């Protein structure tokens, strides 16, 4: 599995993604997010990319059903990792095409990311 939930603080879901992310990982992560959303919370997601190698190839990543159904339920997303992934992460999560605030922080900036996600 490429991802793991490291902790949940109120409505902040702390996630680590490493290696190649698979479609099943994304679906599991969406399920965890829906559980918080179902409790009436605006979700905030803090993702740490560790030795991230991208997304599984050969699968259909084009399902935007979750984003359409729950996009407004996600207040913020912060990604912390190697900056070479910044543009691809922004494209993958649809920055600019949704109301969610989305930022990317370099690996050495975890404190800044945590401050931003909680503000």
N, C-alpha and C. Protein backbone atom coordinates (compact mmCIF):
# COMPACT_ATOMS: atom_id res chain seq x y z
N UNK A 1 0.85 -1.18 0.00
CA UNK A 1 0.00 0.00 0.00
C UNK A 1 0.89 1.23 0.00
N UNK A 2 0.57 2.19 -0.83
CA UNK A 2 1.38 3.39 -0.98
C UNK A 2 1.04 4.46 0.05
N UNK A 3 -0.08 4.36 0.71
CA UNK A 3 -0.44 5.43 1.63
C UNK A 3 -0.74 4.87 3.01
N UNK A 4 -0.65 5.75 3.99
CA UNK A 4 -1.04 5.39 5.34
C UNK A 4 -1.55 6.63 6.05
N UNK A 5 -2.60 6.47 6.81
CA UNK A 5 -3.10 7.58 7.63
C UNK A 5 -2.29 7.55 8.92
N UNK A 6 -1.55 8.62 9.17
CA UNK A 6 -0.70 8.65 10.35
C UNK A 6 -1.44 9.14 11.58
N UNK A 7 -2.40 10.06 11.37
CA UNK A 7 -3.25 10.49 12.49
C UNK A 7 -4.38 11.35 11.96
N UNK A 8 -5.37 11.52 12.82
CA UNK A 8 -6.50 12.40 12.51
C UNK A 8 -6.65 13.35 13.69
N UNK A 9 -6.49 14.64 13.43
CA UNK A 9 -6.68 15.69 14.44
C UNK A 9 -7.94 16.44 14.06
N UNK A 10 -9.00 16.23 14.83
CA UNK A 10 -10.27 16.87 14.54
C UNK A 10 -10.64 16.55 13.09
N UNK A 11 -10.59 17.52 12.19
CA UNK A 11 -10.95 17.25 10.80
C UNK A 11 -9.72 17.29 9.88
N UNK A 12 -8.52 17.21 10.47
CA UNK A 12 -7.29 17.17 9.66
C UNK A 12 -6.83 15.73 9.54
N UNK A 13 -6.81 15.27 8.32
CA UNK A 13 -6.38 13.91 8.02
C UNK A 13 -4.91 13.98 7.60
N UNK A 14 -4.02 13.38 8.40
CA UNK A 14 -2.58 13.36 8.11
C UNK A 14 -2.26 12.06 7.38
N UNK A 15 -1.69 12.18 6.19
CA UNK A 15 -1.47 11.03 5.33
C UNK A 15 -0.03 11.03 4.83
N UNK A 16 0.56 9.85 4.73
CA UNK A 16 1.86 9.70 4.09
C UNK A 16 1.67 8.83 2.86
N UNK A 17 2.24 9.28 1.74
CA UNK A 17 2.19 8.52 0.50
C UNK A 17 3.63 8.25 0.07
N UNK A 18 3.93 6.99 -0.19
CA UNK A 18 5.27 6.65 -0.66
C UNK A 18 5.16 5.63 -1.79
N UNK A 19 6.23 5.56 -2.59
CA UNK A 19 6.22 4.64 -3.71
C UNK A 19 5.21 5.06 -4.75
N UNK A 20 4.60 4.09 -5.38
CA UNK A 20 3.61 4.33 -6.44
C UNK A 20 2.21 4.28 -5.83
N UNK A 21 1.45 5.34 -6.01
CA UNK A 21 0.08 5.36 -5.51
C UNK A 21 -0.81 4.59 -6.49
N UNK A 22 -1.62 3.71 -5.93
CA UNK A 22 -2.54 2.90 -6.73
C UNK A 22 -3.95 3.46 -6.63
N UNK A 23 -4.78 3.12 -7.58
CA UNK A 23 -6.16 3.55 -7.57
C UNK A 23 -6.87 3.07 -6.30
N UNK A 24 -6.57 1.86 -5.86
CA UNK A 24 -7.19 1.34 -4.63
C UNK A 24 -6.78 2.16 -3.41
N UNK A 25 -5.56 2.71 -3.41
CA UNK A 25 -5.12 3.59 -2.32
C UNK A 25 -5.98 4.85 -2.29
N UNK A 26 -6.19 5.43 -3.47
CA UNK A 26 -7.00 6.64 -3.54
C UNK A 26 -8.42 6.36 -3.06
N UNK A 27 -8.98 5.25 -3.47
CA UNK A 27 -10.34 4.92 -3.07
C UNK A 27 -10.45 4.73 -1.56
N UNK A 28 -9.45 4.10 -0.96
CA UNK A 28 -9.44 3.93 0.50
C UNK A 28 -9.31 5.27 1.20
N UNK A 29 -8.48 6.14 0.67
CA UNK A 29 -8.30 7.47 1.24
C UNK A 29 -9.59 8.28 1.13
N UNK A 30 -10.28 8.16 0.01
CA UNK A 30 -11.56 8.85 -0.15
C UNK A 30 -12.59 8.34 0.85
N UNK A 31 -12.58 7.05 1.11
CA UNK A 31 -13.50 6.47 2.10
C UNK A 31 -13.24 7.05 3.48
N UNK A 32 -11.96 7.15 3.86
CA UNK A 32 -11.62 7.75 5.16
C UNK A 32 -12.07 9.20 5.22
N UNK A 33 -11.90 9.94 4.13
CA UNK A 33 -12.36 11.32 4.09
C UNK A 33 -13.86 11.43 4.21
N UNK A 34 -14.58 10.54 3.54
CA UNK A 34 -16.05 10.56 3.60
C UNK A 34 -16.56 10.30 5.02
N UNK A 35 -15.83 9.49 5.78
CA UNK A 35 -16.24 9.23 7.17
C UNK A 35 -16.19 10.51 7.99
N UNK A 36 -15.16 11.33 7.79
CA UNK A 36 -15.09 12.61 8.50
C UNK A 36 -16.14 13.59 7.99
N UNK A 37 -16.33 13.61 6.69
CA UNK A 37 -17.34 14.49 6.10
C UNK A 37 -18.73 14.13 6.62
N UNK A 38 -19.00 12.83 6.75
CA UNK A 38 -20.30 12.36 7.24
C UNK A 38 -20.57 12.83 8.66
N UNK A 39 -19.51 13.15 9.41
CA UNK A 39 -19.66 13.66 10.78
C UNK A 39 -19.89 15.17 10.78
N UNK A 40 -20.05 15.75 9.59
CA UNK A 40 -20.36 17.17 9.48
C UNK A 40 -19.14 18.07 9.51
N UNK A 41 -17.98 17.55 9.25
CA UNK A 41 -16.76 18.35 9.31
C UNK A 41 -16.29 18.74 7.92
N UNK A 42 -15.67 19.91 7.84
CA UNK A 42 -14.98 20.34 6.61
C UNK A 42 -13.59 19.72 6.70
N UNK A 43 -13.29 18.84 5.80
CA UNK A 43 -12.05 18.07 5.80
C UNK A 43 -10.86 18.94 5.43
N UNK A 44 -9.74 18.69 6.10
CA UNK A 44 -8.44 19.28 5.75
C UNK A 44 -7.49 18.10 5.61
N UNK A 45 -6.70 18.11 4.56
CA UNK A 45 -5.83 16.98 4.25
C UNK A 45 -4.38 17.46 4.21
N UNK A 46 -3.52 16.82 5.02
CA UNK A 46 -2.09 17.12 5.02
C UNK A 46 -1.36 15.86 4.55
N UNK A 47 -0.79 15.93 3.34
CA UNK A 47 -0.16 14.77 2.72
C UNK A 47 1.35 14.96 2.69
N UNK A 48 2.07 13.98 3.22
CA UNK A 48 3.52 13.97 3.15
C UNK A 48 3.94 12.94 2.10
N UNK A 49 4.68 13.39 1.10
CA UNK A 49 5.17 12.51 0.05
C UNK A 49 6.59 12.07 0.41
N UNK A 50 6.76 10.77 0.62
CA UNK A 50 8.05 10.21 1.01
C UNK A 50 8.48 9.20 -0.04
N UNK A 51 9.58 9.47 -0.73
CA UNK A 51 10.04 8.61 -1.81
C UNK A 51 8.90 8.32 -2.80
N UNK A 52 8.11 9.33 -3.05
CA UNK A 52 6.97 9.22 -3.95
C UNK A 52 7.47 8.97 -5.37
N UNK A 53 6.80 8.05 -6.07
CA UNK A 53 7.21 7.68 -7.42
C UNK A 53 6.09 7.86 -8.44
N UNK A 54 5.03 8.54 -8.05
CA UNK A 54 3.95 8.83 -8.98
C UNK A 54 2.75 7.92 -8.81
N UNK A 55 1.96 7.85 -9.87
CA UNK A 55 0.70 7.15 -9.85
C UNK A 55 0.77 5.89 -10.70
N UNK A 56 0.04 4.89 -10.30
CA UNK A 56 -0.04 3.63 -11.04
C UNK A 56 -0.42 3.91 -12.49
N UNK A 57 0.30 3.31 -13.38
CA UNK A 57 0.04 3.49 -14.82
C UNK A 57 -0.95 2.43 -15.30
N UNK A 58 -1.68 2.77 -16.35
CA UNK A 58 -2.58 1.80 -16.98
C UNK A 58 -3.94 1.69 -16.33
N UNK A 59 -4.27 2.60 -15.42
CA UNK A 59 -5.60 2.59 -14.80
C UNK A 59 -6.30 3.91 -15.11
N UNK A 60 -7.61 3.94 -14.97
CA UNK A 60 -8.39 5.14 -15.27
C UNK A 60 -8.47 6.03 -14.03
N UNK A 61 -7.68 7.09 -14.01
CA UNK A 61 -7.69 8.05 -12.91
C UNK A 61 -8.71 9.17 -13.17
N UNK A 62 -9.48 9.05 -14.23
CA UNK A 62 -10.37 10.12 -14.65
C UNK A 62 -11.70 10.23 -13.93
N UNK A 63 -11.97 9.37 -12.96
CA UNK A 63 -13.25 9.43 -12.24
C UNK A 63 -13.24 10.64 -11.30
N UNK A 64 -14.05 11.62 -11.62
CA UNK A 64 -14.11 12.83 -10.80
C UNK A 64 -15.36 12.85 -9.91
N UNK A 65 -15.99 11.69 -9.76
CA UNK A 65 -17.21 11.60 -8.96
C UNK A 65 -17.04 12.06 -7.53
N UNK A 66 -15.94 11.68 -6.90
CA UNK A 66 -15.70 12.10 -5.51
C UNK A 66 -15.55 13.62 -5.45
N UNK A 67 -14.78 14.18 -6.37
CA UNK A 67 -14.57 15.63 -6.36
C UNK A 67 -15.88 16.37 -6.59
N UNK A 68 -16.72 15.88 -7.47
CA UNK A 68 -18.01 16.53 -7.73
C UNK A 68 -18.92 16.42 -6.51
N UNK A 69 -18.96 15.23 -5.91
CA UNK A 69 -19.86 15.01 -4.77
C UNK A 69 -19.37 15.66 -3.48
N UNK A 70 -18.05 15.69 -3.27
CA UNK A 70 -17.53 16.11 -1.96
C UNK A 70 -16.50 17.22 -2.03
N UNK A 71 -16.23 17.76 -3.23
CA UNK A 71 -15.21 18.79 -3.37
C UNK A 71 -15.40 19.98 -2.45
N UNK A 72 -16.65 20.42 -2.27
CA UNK A 72 -16.91 21.56 -1.39
C UNK A 72 -16.81 21.20 0.09
N UNK A 73 -16.70 19.91 0.40
CA UNK A 73 -16.56 19.46 1.79
C UNK A 73 -15.09 19.42 2.22
N UNK A 74 -14.18 19.70 1.30
CA UNK A 74 -12.75 19.69 1.60
C UNK A 74 -12.28 21.14 1.61
N UNK A 75 -11.91 21.63 2.78
CA UNK A 75 -11.52 23.04 2.93
C UNK A 75 -10.12 23.30 2.39
N UNK A 76 -9.17 22.43 2.76
CA UNK A 76 -7.78 22.65 2.39
C UNK A 76 -7.06 21.33 2.15
N UNK A 77 -6.07 21.40 1.25
CA UNK A 77 -5.16 20.28 1.05
C UNK A 77 -3.74 20.85 1.01
N UNK A 78 -2.86 20.27 1.80
CA UNK A 78 -1.45 20.65 1.79
C UNK A 78 -0.63 19.42 1.46
N UNK A 79 0.33 19.59 0.57
CA UNK A 79 1.23 18.52 0.19
C UNK A 79 2.64 18.94 0.55
N UNK A 80 3.40 18.02 1.14
CA UNK A 80 4.78 18.28 1.54
C UNK A 80 5.64 17.22 0.88
N UNK A 81 6.62 17.67 0.09
CA UNK A 81 7.47 16.69 -0.57
C UNK A 81 8.45 17.33 -1.52
N UNK A 82 9.05 16.50 -2.35
CA UNK A 82 10.00 16.92 -3.36
C UNK A 82 9.27 17.81 -4.36
N UNK A 83 9.80 19.01 -4.58
CA UNK A 83 9.11 19.99 -5.42
C UNK A 83 8.97 19.56 -6.88
N UNK A 84 9.69 18.53 -7.30
CA UNK A 84 9.53 18.08 -8.68
C UNK A 84 8.13 17.53 -8.95
N UNK A 85 7.40 17.19 -7.86
CA UNK A 85 6.04 16.66 -8.01
C UNK A 85 4.96 17.74 -7.95
N UNK A 86 5.34 18.96 -7.63
CA UNK A 86 4.36 20.03 -7.38
C UNK A 86 3.33 20.18 -8.51
N UNK A 87 3.78 20.40 -9.73
CA UNK A 87 2.84 20.64 -10.83
C UNK A 87 1.96 19.42 -11.11
N UNK A 88 2.54 18.23 -11.00
CA UNK A 88 1.75 17.01 -11.25
C UNK A 88 0.71 16.80 -10.15
N UNK A 89 1.07 17.09 -8.90
CA UNK A 89 0.11 16.98 -7.80
C UNK A 89 -1.03 17.97 -8.01
N UNK A 90 -0.69 19.21 -8.35
CA UNK A 90 -1.73 20.22 -8.58
C UNK A 90 -2.68 19.79 -9.69
N UNK A 91 -2.14 19.22 -10.76
CA UNK A 91 -2.98 18.74 -11.86
C UNK A 91 -3.85 17.57 -11.39
N UNK A 92 -3.25 16.66 -10.62
CA UNK A 92 -3.98 15.47 -10.17
C UNK A 92 -5.16 15.83 -9.28
N UNK A 93 -4.97 16.81 -8.37
CA UNK A 93 -6.05 17.16 -7.44
C UNK A 93 -6.95 18.28 -7.97
N UNK A 94 -6.66 18.78 -9.16
CA UNK A 94 -7.54 19.77 -9.77
C UNK A 94 -7.45 21.16 -9.19
N UNK A 95 -6.24 21.57 -8.78
CA UNK A 95 -6.09 22.93 -8.27
C UNK A 95 -6.52 23.91 -9.35
N UNK A 96 -7.33 24.88 -8.95
CA UNK A 96 -7.85 25.86 -9.89
C UNK A 96 -9.20 25.48 -10.48
N UNK A 97 -9.60 24.22 -10.29
CA UNK A 97 -10.88 23.75 -10.81
C UNK A 97 -11.85 23.41 -9.68
N UNK A 98 -11.48 23.77 -8.47
CA UNK A 98 -12.33 23.47 -7.31
C UNK A 98 -12.16 24.58 -6.29
N UNK A 99 -13.06 24.64 -5.32
CA UNK A 99 -13.01 25.70 -4.31
C UNK A 99 -11.99 25.42 -3.21
N UNK A 100 -11.53 24.21 -3.11
CA UNK A 100 -10.57 23.82 -2.07
C UNK A 100 -9.26 24.60 -2.22
N UNK A 101 -8.76 25.12 -1.08
CA UNK A 101 -7.43 25.75 -1.07
C UNK A 101 -6.40 24.62 -1.11
N UNK A 102 -5.44 24.73 -2.03
CA UNK A 102 -4.44 23.67 -2.20
C UNK A 102 -3.06 24.32 -2.30
N UNK A 103 -2.12 23.84 -1.47
CA UNK A 103 -0.75 24.36 -1.47
C UNK A 103 0.25 23.22 -1.44
N UNK A 104 1.45 23.50 -1.90
CA UNK A 104 2.55 22.54 -1.89
C UNK A 104 3.71 23.16 -1.14
N UNK A 105 4.32 22.38 -0.25
CA UNK A 105 5.44 22.85 0.56
C UNK A 105 6.63 21.93 0.34
N UNK A 106 7.84 22.50 0.27
CA UNK A 106 9.04 21.66 0.14
C UNK A 106 9.19 20.74 1.36
N UNK A 107 9.92 19.66 1.18
CA UNK A 107 10.09 18.65 2.24
C UNK A 107 10.52 19.24 3.58
N UNK A 108 11.35 20.26 3.56
CA UNK A 108 11.87 20.84 4.81
C UNK A 108 10.89 21.82 5.47
N UNK A 109 9.69 21.93 4.94
CA UNK A 109 8.74 22.94 5.42
C UNK A 109 7.49 22.35 6.08
N UNK A 110 7.64 21.24 6.78
CA UNK A 110 6.49 20.61 7.44
C UNK A 110 5.83 21.55 8.44
N UNK A 111 6.60 22.31 9.20
CA UNK A 111 6.03 23.22 10.19
C UNK A 111 5.15 24.27 9.51
N UNK A 112 5.61 24.80 8.39
CA UNK A 112 4.82 25.78 7.65
C UNK A 112 3.53 25.16 7.12
N UNK A 113 3.63 23.93 6.63
CA UNK A 113 2.46 23.23 6.11
C UNK A 113 1.44 22.99 7.22
N UNK A 114 1.91 22.57 8.38
CA UNK A 114 1.00 22.33 9.51
C UNK A 114 0.32 23.63 9.96
N UNK A 115 1.09 24.71 10.01
CA UNK A 115 0.49 26.00 10.38
C UNK A 115 -0.56 26.42 9.37
N UNK A 116 -0.27 26.24 8.08
CA UNK A 116 -1.21 26.63 7.03
C UNK A 116 -2.48 25.79 7.08
N UNK A 117 -2.35 24.48 7.25
CA UNK A 117 -3.52 23.59 7.21
C UNK A 117 -4.44 23.85 8.40
N UNK A 118 -3.88 24.31 9.53
CA UNK A 118 -4.69 24.54 10.72
C UNK A 118 -5.25 25.97 10.79
N UNK A 119 -4.77 26.86 9.91
CA UNK A 119 -5.22 28.26 9.96
C UNK A 119 -6.62 28.41 9.40
